[in-house]
PDB file of N, CA and C in Angstrom:
ATOM      1  N   MET A   1     -12.986 -12.029   6.319  1.00  0.00           N
ATOM      2  CA  MET A   1     -13.869 -11.232   5.524  1.00  0.00           C
ATOM      3  C   MET A   1     -14.125 -11.972   4.219  1.00  0.00           C
ATOM      4  N   THR A   2     -15.334 -11.904   3.768  1.00  0.00           N
ATOM      5  CA  THR A   2     -15.714 -12.530   2.517  1.00  0.00           C
ATOM      6  C   THR A   2     -16.278 -11.473   1.579  1.00  0.00           C
ATOM      7  N   ILE A   3     -15.787 -11.485   0.358  1.00  0.00           N
ATOM      8  CA  ILE A   3     -16.287 -10.580  -0.667  1.00  0.00           C
ATOM      9  C   ILE A   3     -16.680 -11.422  -1.865  1.00  0.00           C
ATOM     10  N   GLU A   4     -17.902 -11.222  -2.318  1.00  0.00           N
ATOM     11  CA  GLU A   4     -18.360 -11.941  -3.500  1.00  0.00           C
ATOM     12  C   GLU A   4     -18.055 -11.096  -4.726  1.00  0.00           C
ATOM     13  N   LEU A   5     -17.467 -11.736  -5.730  1.00  0.00           N
ATOM     14  CA  LEU A   5     -17.106 -11.045  -6.964  1.00  0.00           C
ATOM     15  C   LEU A   5     -17.784 -11.717  -8.148  1.00  0.00           C
ATOM     16  N   SER A   6     -18.236 -10.906  -9.074  1.00  0.00           N
ATOM     17  CA  SER A   6     -18.785 -11.467 -10.306  1.00  0.00           C
ATOM     18  C   SER A   6     -17.639 -12.036 -11.135  1.00  0.00           C
ATOM     19  N   ASP A   7     -17.976 -12.846 -12.099  1.00  0.00           N
ATOM     20  CA  ASP A   7     -16.953 -13.376 -12.997  1.00  0.00           C
ATOM     21  C   ASP A   7     -16.238 -12.248 -13.729  1.00  0.00           C
ATOM     22  N   GLU A   8     -16.979 -11.206 -14.064  1.00  0.00           N
ATOM     23  CA  GLU A   8     -16.389 -10.059 -14.760  1.00  0.00           C
ATOM     24  C   GLU A   8     -15.355  -9.369 -13.871  1.00  0.00           C
ATOM     25  N   ALA A   9     -15.715  -9.119 -12.615  1.00  0.00           N
ATOM     26  CA  ALA A   9     -14.780  -8.479 -11.685  1.00  0.00           C
ATOM     27  C   ALA A   9     -13.571  -9.370 -11.447  1.00  0.00           C
ATOM     28  N   LEU A  10     -13.810 -10.645 -11.290  1.00  0.00           N
ATOM     29  CA  LEU A  10     -12.706 -11.570 -11.086  1.00  0.00           C
ATOM     30  C   LEU A  10     -11.774 -11.564 -12.292  1.00  0.00           C
ATOM     31  N   GLY A  11     -12.329 -11.476 -13.481  1.00  0.00           N
ATOM     32  CA  GLY A  11     -11.513 -11.429 -14.688  1.00  0.00           C
ATOM     33  C   GLY A  11     -10.649 -10.183 -14.759  1.00  0.00           C
ATOM     34  N   VAL A  12     -11.150  -9.076 -14.258  1.00  0.00           N
ATOM     35  CA  VAL A  12     -10.393  -7.832 -14.257  1.00  0.00           C
ATOM     36  C   VAL A  12      -9.289  -7.877 -13.199  1.00  0.00           C
ATOM     37  N   LEU A  13      -9.598  -8.462 -12.054  1.00  0.00           N
ATOM     38  CA  LEU A  13      -8.665  -8.477 -10.928  1.00  0.00           C
ATOM     39  C   LEU A  13      -7.636  -9.593 -11.002  1.00  0.00           C
ATOM     40  N   GLY A  14      -7.925 -10.631 -11.706  1.00  0.00           N
ATOM     41  CA  GLY A  14      -6.990 -11.749 -11.826  1.00  0.00           C
ATOM     42  C   GLY A  14      -7.751 -13.029 -12.061  1.00  0.00           C
ATOM     43  N   ASP A  15      -7.110 -13.974 -12.681  1.00  0.00           N
ATOM     44  CA  ASP A  15      -7.791 -15.218 -13.015  1.00  0.00           C
ATOM     45  C   ASP A  15      -8.049 -16.098 -11.799  1.00  0.00           C
ATOM     46  N   ARG A  16      -7.178 -15.972 -10.821  1.00  0.00           N
ATOM     47  CA  ARG A  16      -7.327 -16.798  -9.618  1.00  0.00           C
ATOM     48  C   ARG A  16      -7.836 -15.939  -8.466  1.00  0.00           C
ATOM     49  N   PRO A  17      -8.589 -16.526  -7.561  1.00  0.00           N
ATOM     50  CA  PRO A  17      -9.062 -15.768  -6.393  1.00  0.00           C
ATOM     51  C   PRO A  17      -7.915 -15.117  -5.614  1.00  0.00           C
ATOM     52  N   GLU A  18      -6.766 -15.783  -5.538  1.00  0.00           N
ATOM     53  CA  GLU A  18      -5.617 -15.229  -4.818  1.00  0.00           C
ATOM     54  C   GLU A  18      -5.124 -13.942  -5.476  1.00  0.00           C
ATOM     55  N   ASP A  19      -5.179 -13.901  -6.807  1.00  0.00           N
ATOM     56  CA  ASP A  19      -4.771 -12.700  -7.540  1.00  0.00           C
ATOM     57  C   ASP A  19      -5.747 -11.557  -7.275  1.00  0.00           C
ATOM     58  N   ALA A  20      -7.031 -11.882  -7.239  1.00  0.00           N
ATOM     59  CA  ALA A  20      -8.050 -10.870  -6.964  1.00  0.00           C
ATOM     60  C   ALA A  20      -7.879 -10.300  -5.562  1.00  0.00           C
ATOM     61  N   VAL A  21      -7.615 -11.170  -4.604  1.00  0.00           N
ATOM     62  CA  VAL A  21      -7.399 -10.719  -3.220  1.00  0.00           C
ATOM     63  C   VAL A  21      -6.201  -9.784  -3.162  1.00  0.00           C
ATOM     64  N   ALA A  22      -5.109 -10.151  -3.800  1.00  0.00           N
ATOM     65  CA  ALA A  22      -3.907  -9.316  -3.794  1.00  0.00           C
ATOM     66  C   ALA A  22      -4.176  -7.964  -4.451  1.00  0.00           C
ATOM     67  N   ALA A  23      -4.901  -7.960  -5.563  1.00  0.00           N
ATOM     68  CA  ALA A  23      -5.211  -6.718  -6.266  1.00  0.00           C
ATOM     69  C   ALA A  23      -6.098  -5.813  -5.415  1.00  0.00           C
ATOM     70  N   LEU A  24      -7.084  -6.383  -4.752  1.00  0.00           N
ATOM     71  CA  LEU A  24      -7.969  -5.590  -3.896  1.00  0.00           C
ATOM     72  C   LEU A  24      -7.239  -5.037  -2.682  1.00  0.00           C
ATOM     73  N   ARG A  25      -6.376  -5.865  -2.092  1.00  0.00           N
ATOM     74  CA  ARG A  25      -5.601  -5.385  -0.945  1.00  0.00           C
ATOM     75  C   ARG A  25      -4.691  -4.235  -1.346  1.00  0.00           C
ATOM     76  N   LEU A  26      -4.042  -4.354  -2.493  1.00  0.00           N
ATOM     77  CA  LEU A  26      -3.152  -3.294  -2.958  1.00  0.00           C
ATOM     78  C   LEU A  26      -3.937  -2.024  -3.267  1.00  0.00           C
ATOM     79  N   ALA A  27      -5.072  -2.154  -3.943  1.00  0.00           N
ATOM     80  CA  ALA A  27      -5.886  -0.977  -4.272  1.00  0.00           C
ATOM     81  C   ALA A  27      -6.380  -0.280  -3.000  1.00  0.00           C
ATOM     82  N   ALA A  28      -6.819  -1.050  -2.030  1.00  0.00           N
ATOM     83  CA  ALA A  28      -7.270  -0.467  -0.764  1.00  0.00           C
ATOM     84  C   ALA A  28      -6.115   0.222  -0.052  1.00  0.00           C
ATOM     85  N   ALA A  29      -4.963  -0.408  -0.047  1.00  0.00           N
ATOM     86  CA  ALA A  29      -3.793   0.178   0.604  1.00  0.00           C
ATOM     87  C   ALA A  29      -3.383   1.474  -0.077  1.00  0.00           C
ATOM     88  N   MET A  30      -3.398   1.492  -1.403  1.00  0.00           N
ATOM     89  CA  MET A  30      -3.051   2.701  -2.149  1.00  0.00           C
ATOM     90  C   MET A  30      -3.988   3.845  -1.796  1.00  0.00           C
ATOM     91  N   LYS A  31      -5.289   3.572  -1.791  1.00  0.00           N
ATOM     92  CA  LYS A  31      -6.265   4.625  -1.527  1.00  0.00           C
ATOM     93  C   LYS A  31      -6.154   5.122  -0.087  1.00  0.00           C
ATOM     94  N   LEU A  32      -6.013   4.223   0.862  1.00  0.00           N
ATOM     95  CA  LEU A  32      -5.892   4.628   2.267  1.00  0.00           C
ATOM     96  C   LEU A  32      -4.612   5.421   2.505  1.00  0.00           C
ATOM     97  N   PHE A  33      -3.541   5.076   1.803  1.00  0.00           N
ATOM     98  CA  PHE A  33      -2.309   5.857   1.887  1.00  0.00           C
ATOM     99  C   PHE A  33      -2.535   7.241   1.284  1.00  0.00           C
ATOM    100  N   GLU A  34      -3.154   7.286   0.122  1.00  0.00           N
ATOM    101  CA  GLU A  34      -3.406   8.557  -0.554  1.00  0.00           C
ATOM    102  C   GLU A  34      -4.260   9.491   0.309  1.00  0.00           C
ATOM    103  N   LEU A  35      -5.216   8.927   1.031  1.00  0.00           N
ATOM    104  CA  LEU A  35      -6.084   9.716   1.898  1.00  0.00           C
ATOM    105  C   LEU A  35      -5.415  10.109   3.211  1.00  0.00           C
ATOM    106  N   GLY A  36      -4.222   9.574   3.442  1.00  0.00           N
ATOM    107  CA  GLY A  36      -3.517   9.885   4.685  1.00  0.00           C
ATOM    108  C   GLY A  36      -3.991   9.078   5.868  1.00  0.00           C
ATOM    109  N   ARG A  37      -4.736   8.029   5.617  1.00  0.00           N
ATOM    110  CA  ARG A  37      -5.259   7.199   6.704  1.00  0.00           C
ATOM    111  C   ARG A  37      -4.257   6.141   7.143  1.00  0.00           C
ATOM    112  N   LEU A  38      -3.319   5.782   6.267  1.00  0.00           N
ATOM    113  CA  LEU A  38      -2.273   4.810   6.591  1.00  0.00           C
ATOM    114  C   LEU A  38      -0.918   5.373   6.196  1.00  0.00           C
ATOM    115  N   SER A  39       0.097   5.052   6.970  1.00  0.00           N
ATOM    116  CA  SER A  39       1.469   5.364   6.582  1.00  0.00           C
ATOM    117  C   SER A  39       1.864   4.420   5.457  1.00  0.00           C
ATOM    118  N   SER A  40       2.983   4.701   4.819  1.00  0.00           N
ATOM    119  CA  SER A  40       3.425   3.814   3.739  1.00  0.00           C
ATOM    120  C   SER A  40       3.748   2.426   4.271  1.00  0.00           C
ATOM    121  N   GLY A  41       4.303   2.357   5.475  1.00  0.00           N
ATOM    122  CA  GLY A  41       4.599   1.053   6.064  1.00  0.00           C
ATOM    123  C   GLY A  41       3.343   0.265   6.376  1.00  0.00           C
ATOM    124  N   ALA A  42       2.343   0.934   6.950  1.00  0.00           N
ATOM    125  CA  ALA A  42       1.082   0.262   7.270  1.00  0.00           C
ATOM    126  C   ALA A  42       0.343  -0.136   5.993  1.00  0.00           C
ATOM    127  N   ALA A  43       0.393   0.715   4.995  1.00  0.00           N
ATOM    128  CA  ALA A  43      -0.254   0.400   3.725  1.00  0.00           C
ATOM    129  C   ALA A  43       0.427  -0.796   3.051  1.00  0.00           C
ATOM    130  N   ALA A  44       1.744  -0.814   3.101  1.00  0.00           N
ATOM    131  CA  ALA A  44       2.483  -1.954   2.537  1.00  0.00           C
ATOM    132  C   ALA A  44       2.114  -3.241   3.257  1.00  0.00           C
ATOM    133  N   ALA A  45       1.989  -3.157   4.578  1.00  0.00           N
ATOM    134  CA  ALA A  45       1.599  -4.346   5.356  1.00  0.00           C
ATOM    135  C   ALA A  45       0.203  -4.805   4.952  1.00  0.00           C
ATOM    136  N   LEU A  46      -0.715  -3.870   4.771  1.00  0.00           N
ATOM    137  CA  LEU A  46      -2.065  -4.228   4.328  1.00  0.00           C
ATOM    138  C   LEU A  46      -2.019  -4.896   2.961  1.00  0.00           C
ATOM    139  N   ALA A  47      -1.186  -4.376   2.079  1.00  0.00           N
ATOM    140  CA  ALA A  47      -1.063  -4.942   0.728  1.00  0.00           C
ATOM    141  C   ALA A  47      -0.307  -6.266   0.725  1.00  0.00           C
ATOM    142  N   GLY A  48       0.423  -6.534   1.814  1.00  0.00           N
ATOM    143  CA  GLY A  48       1.183  -7.786   1.883  1.00  0.00           C
ATOM    144  C   GLY A  48       2.461  -7.762   1.076  1.00  0.00           C
ATOM    145  N   ILE A  49       3.039  -6.554   0.915  1.00  0.00           N
ATOM    146  CA  ILE A  49       4.272  -6.423   0.143  1.00  0.00           C
ATOM    147  C   ILE A  49       5.260  -5.566   0.932  1.00  0.00           C
ATOM    148  N   PRO A  50       6.545  -5.660   0.618  1.00  0.00           N
ATOM    149  CA  PRO A  50       7.528  -4.812   1.294  1.00  0.00           C
ATOM    150  C   PRO A  50       7.268  -3.328   1.014  1.00  0.00           C
ATOM    151  N   ARG A  51       7.635  -2.483   1.960  1.00  0.00           N
ATOM    152  CA  ARG A  51       7.411  -1.038   1.838  1.00  0.00           C
ATOM    153  C   ARG A  51       8.062  -0.470   0.578  1.00  0.00           C
ATOM    154  N   VAL A  52       9.268  -0.906   0.264  1.00  0.00           N
ATOM    155  CA  VAL A  52       9.960  -0.402  -0.932  1.00  0.00           C
ATOM    156  C   VAL A  52       9.165  -0.734  -2.185  1.00  0.00           C
ATOM    157  N   VAL A  53       8.625  -1.923  -2.247  1.00  0.00           N
ATOM    158  CA  VAL A  53       7.813  -2.320  -3.407  1.00  0.00           C
ATOM    159  C   VAL A  53       6.550  -1.467  -3.462  1.00  0.00           C
ATOM    160  N   PHE A  54       5.918  -1.268  -2.299  1.00  0.00           N
ATOM    161  CA  PHE A  54       4.725  -0.420  -2.247  1.00  0.00           C
ATOM    162  C   PHE A  54       5.033   0.967  -2.800  1.00  0.00           C
ATOM    163  N   LEU A  55       6.120   1.554  -2.335  1.00  0.00           N
ATOM    164  CA  LEU A  55       6.483   2.901  -2.777  1.00  0.00           C
ATOM    165  C   LEU A  55       6.759   2.962  -4.279  1.00  0.00           C
ATOM    166  N   THR A  56       7.365   1.913  -4.821  1.00  0.00           N
ATOM    167  CA  THR A  56       7.643   1.913  -6.259  1.00  0.00           C
ATOM    168  C   THR A  56       6.385   1.722  -7.091  1.00  0.00           C
ATOM    169  N   ARG A  57       5.343   1.154  -6.506  1.00  0.00           N
ATOM    170  CA  ARG A  57       4.090   0.914  -7.236  1.00  0.00           C
ATOM    171  C   ARG A  57       3.132   2.107  -7.189  1.00  0.00           C
ATOM    172  N   LEU A  58       3.419   3.111  -6.365  1.00  0.00           N
ATOM    173  CA  LEU A  58       2.514   4.254  -6.229  1.00  0.00           C
ATOM    174  C   LEU A  58       2.210   4.913  -7.564  1.00  0.00           C
ATOM    175  N   GLY A  59       3.219   5.074  -8.390  1.00  0.00           N
ATOM    176  CA  GLY A  59       3.030   5.713  -9.695  1.00  0.00           C
ATOM    177  C   GLY A  59       2.061   4.954 -10.586  1.00  0.00           C
ATOM    178  N   ASP A  60       2.023   3.628 -10.442  1.00  0.00           N
ATOM    179  CA  ASP A  60       1.085   2.817 -11.226  1.00  0.00           C
ATOM    180  C   ASP A  60      -0.360   3.201 -10.926  1.00  0.00           C
ATOM    181  N   TYR A  61      -0.593   3.734  -9.727  1.00  0.00           N
ATOM    182  CA  TYR A  61      -1.937   4.095  -9.287  1.00  0.00           C
ATOM    183  C   TYR A  61      -2.150   5.612  -9.276  1.00  0.00           C
ATOM    184  N   GLY A  62      -1.169   6.355  -9.769  1.00  0.00           N
ATOM    185  CA  GLY A  62      -1.293   7.801  -9.814  1.00  0.00           C
ATOM    186  C   GLY A  62      -1.277   8.461  -8.443  1.00  0.00           C
ATOM    187  N   VAL A  63      -0.596   7.826  -7.494  1.00  0.00           N
ATOM    188  CA  VAL A  63      -0.531   8.332  -6.124  1.00  0.00           C
ATOM    189  C   VAL A  63       0.868   8.880  -5.875  1.00  0.00           C
ATOM    190  N   SER A  64       0.932  10.077  -5.341  1.00  0.00           N
ATOM    191  CA  SER A  64       2.216  10.687  -5.022  1.00  0.00           C
ATOM    192  C   SER A  64       2.807  10.046  -3.773  1.00  0.00           C
ATOM    193  N   PRO A  65       4.105   9.782  -3.780  1.00  0.00           N
ATOM    194  CA  PRO A  65       4.734   9.226  -2.579  1.00  0.00           C
ATOM    195  C   PRO A  65       4.908  10.269  -1.477  1.00  0.00           C
ATOM    196  N   PHE A  66       4.694  11.532  -1.778  1.00  0.00           N
ATOM    197  CA  PHE A  66       4.926  12.607  -0.824  1.00  0.00           C
ATOM    198  C   PHE A  66       3.653  12.945  -0.076  1.00  0.00           C
ATOM    199  N   GLN A  67       3.337  12.112   0.896  1.00  0.00           N
ATOM    200  CA  GLN A  67       2.137  12.285   1.697  1.00  0.00           C
ATOM    201  C   GLN A  67       2.461  12.790   3.105  1.00  0.00           C
ATOM    202  N   TYR A  68       3.729  13.030   3.370  1.00  0.00           N
ATOM    203  CA  TYR A  68       4.178  13.375   4.709  1.00  0.00           C
ATOM    204  C   TYR A  68       4.070  14.868   4.997  1.00  0.00           C
ATOM    205  N   THR A  69       3.749  15.178   6.247  1.00  0.00           N
ATOM    206  CA  THR A  69       3.966  16.533   6.726  1.00  0.00           C
ATOM    207  C   THR A  69       5.438  16.611   7.119  1.00  0.00           C
ATOM    208  N   ALA A  70       5.935  17.791   7.374  1.00  0.00           N
ATOM    209  CA  ALA A  70       7.338  17.947   7.766  1.00  0.00           C
ATOM    210  C   ALA A  70       7.625  17.172   9.056  1.00  0.00           C
ATOM    211  N   ASP A  71       6.718  17.209  10.014  1.00  0.00           N
ATOM    212  CA  ASP A  71       6.919  16.492  11.280  1.00  0.00           C
ATOM    213  C   ASP A  71       6.940  14.974  11.072  1.00  0.00           C
ATOM    214  N   GLU A  72       6.042  14.497  10.229  1.00  0.00           N
ATOM    215  CA  GLU A  72       6.009  13.057   9.947  1.00  0.00           C
ATOM    216  C   GLU A  72       7.275  12.613   9.234  1.00  0.00           C
ATOM    217  N   LEU A  73       7.760  13.418   8.316  1.00  0.00           N
ATOM    218  CA  LEU A  73       8.986  13.085   7.600  1.00  0.00           C
ATOM    219  C   LEU A  73      10.164  13.032   8.560  1.00  0.00           C
ATOM    220  N   ALA A  74      10.266  13.997   9.447  1.00  0.00           N
ATOM    221  CA  ALA A  74      11.354  14.013  10.429  1.00  0.00           C
ATOM    222  C   ALA A  74      11.282  12.791  11.332  1.00  0.00           C
ATOM    223  N   ALA A  75      10.085  12.404  11.762  1.00  0.00           N
ATOM    224  CA  ALA A  75       9.927  11.225  12.617  1.00  0.00           C
ATOM    225  C   ALA A  75      10.307   9.953  11.863  1.00  0.00           C
ATOM    226  N   ASP A  76       9.934   9.872  10.595  1.00  0.00           N
ATOM    227  CA  ASP A  76      10.266   8.698   9.787  1.00  0.00           C
ATOM    228  C   ASP A  76      11.768   8.593   9.571  1.00  0.00           C
ATOM    229  N   ILE A  77      12.409   9.710   9.326  1.00  0.00           N
ATOM    230  CA  ILE A  77      13.865   9.712   9.145  1.00  0.00           C
ATOM    231  C   ILE A  77      14.549   9.267  10.426  1.00  0.00           C
ATOM    232  N   GLU A  78      14.095   9.779  11.551  1.00  0.00           N
ATOM    233  CA  GLU A  78      14.679   9.393  12.836  1.00  0.00           C
ATOM    234  C   GLU A  78      14.467   7.909  13.114  1.00  0.00           C
ATOM    235  N   ALA A  79      13.296   7.405  12.821  1.00  0.00           N
ATOM    236  CA  ALA A  79      13.021   5.974  13.020  1.00  0.00           C
ATOM    237  C   ALA A  79      13.922   5.124  12.132  1.00  0.00           C
ATOM    238  N   SER A  80      14.148   5.570  10.907  1.00  0.00           N
ATOM    239  CA  SER A  80      15.031   4.831   9.992  1.00  0.00           C
ATOM    240  C   SER A  80      16.462   4.834  10.505  1.00  0.00           C
ATOM    241  N   ARG A  81      16.889   5.962  11.022  1.00  0.00           N
ATOM    242  CA  ARG A  81      18.243   6.045  11.573  1.00  0.00           C
ATOM    243  C   ARG A  81      18.390   5.144  12.785  1.00  0.00           C
ATOM    244  N   ALA A  82      17.399   5.150  13.661  1.00  0.00           N
ATOM    245  CA  ALA A  82      17.441   4.307  14.853  1.00  0.00           C
ATOM    246  C   ALA A  82      17.452   2.830  14.456  1.00  0.00           C
ATOM    247  N   GLU A  83      16.662   2.489  13.438  1.00  0.00           N
ATOM    248  CA  GLU A  83      16.615   1.097  12.969  1.00  0.00           C
ATOM    249  C   GLU A  83      17.959   0.669  12.379  1.00  0.00           C
ATOM    250  N   SER A  84      18.623   1.562  11.665  1.00  0.00           N
ATOM    251  CA  SER A  84      19.902   1.215  11.028  1.00  0.00           C
ATOM    252  C   SER A  84      21.018   1.083  12.061  1.00  0.00           C
ATOM    253  N   ARG A  85      20.854   1.699  13.215  1.00  0.00           N
ATOM    254  CA  ARG A  85      21.873   1.582  14.272  1.00  0.00           C
ATOM    255  C   ARG A  85      21.778   0.266  15.018  1.00  0.00           C
ATOM    256  N   GLN A  86      20.684  -0.434  14.861  1.00  0.00           N
ATOM    257  CA  GLN A  86      20.495  -1.691  15.606  1.00  0.00           C
ATOM    258  C   GLN A  86      21.221  -2.826  14.981  1.00  0.00           C
TER     259      GLN A  86
END
């Protein structure tokens, strides 16, 4: 994918193109997580950062980490338990 950015936008997002890409990926991941379109793990993968880091950065974007329904939370807890047993 190619996105053209003005010098002004690039200056806001980062001095280097790599910084701008990282900032855009994180912003997109935050918004998609907030909308419930991505899980925190999928959003972290989109942002290219570990899930724990993603979760700690949510407050920087004014996004609540509590996006789960009760069923989703139970499934996530079970998946974490299964992963820790391996």
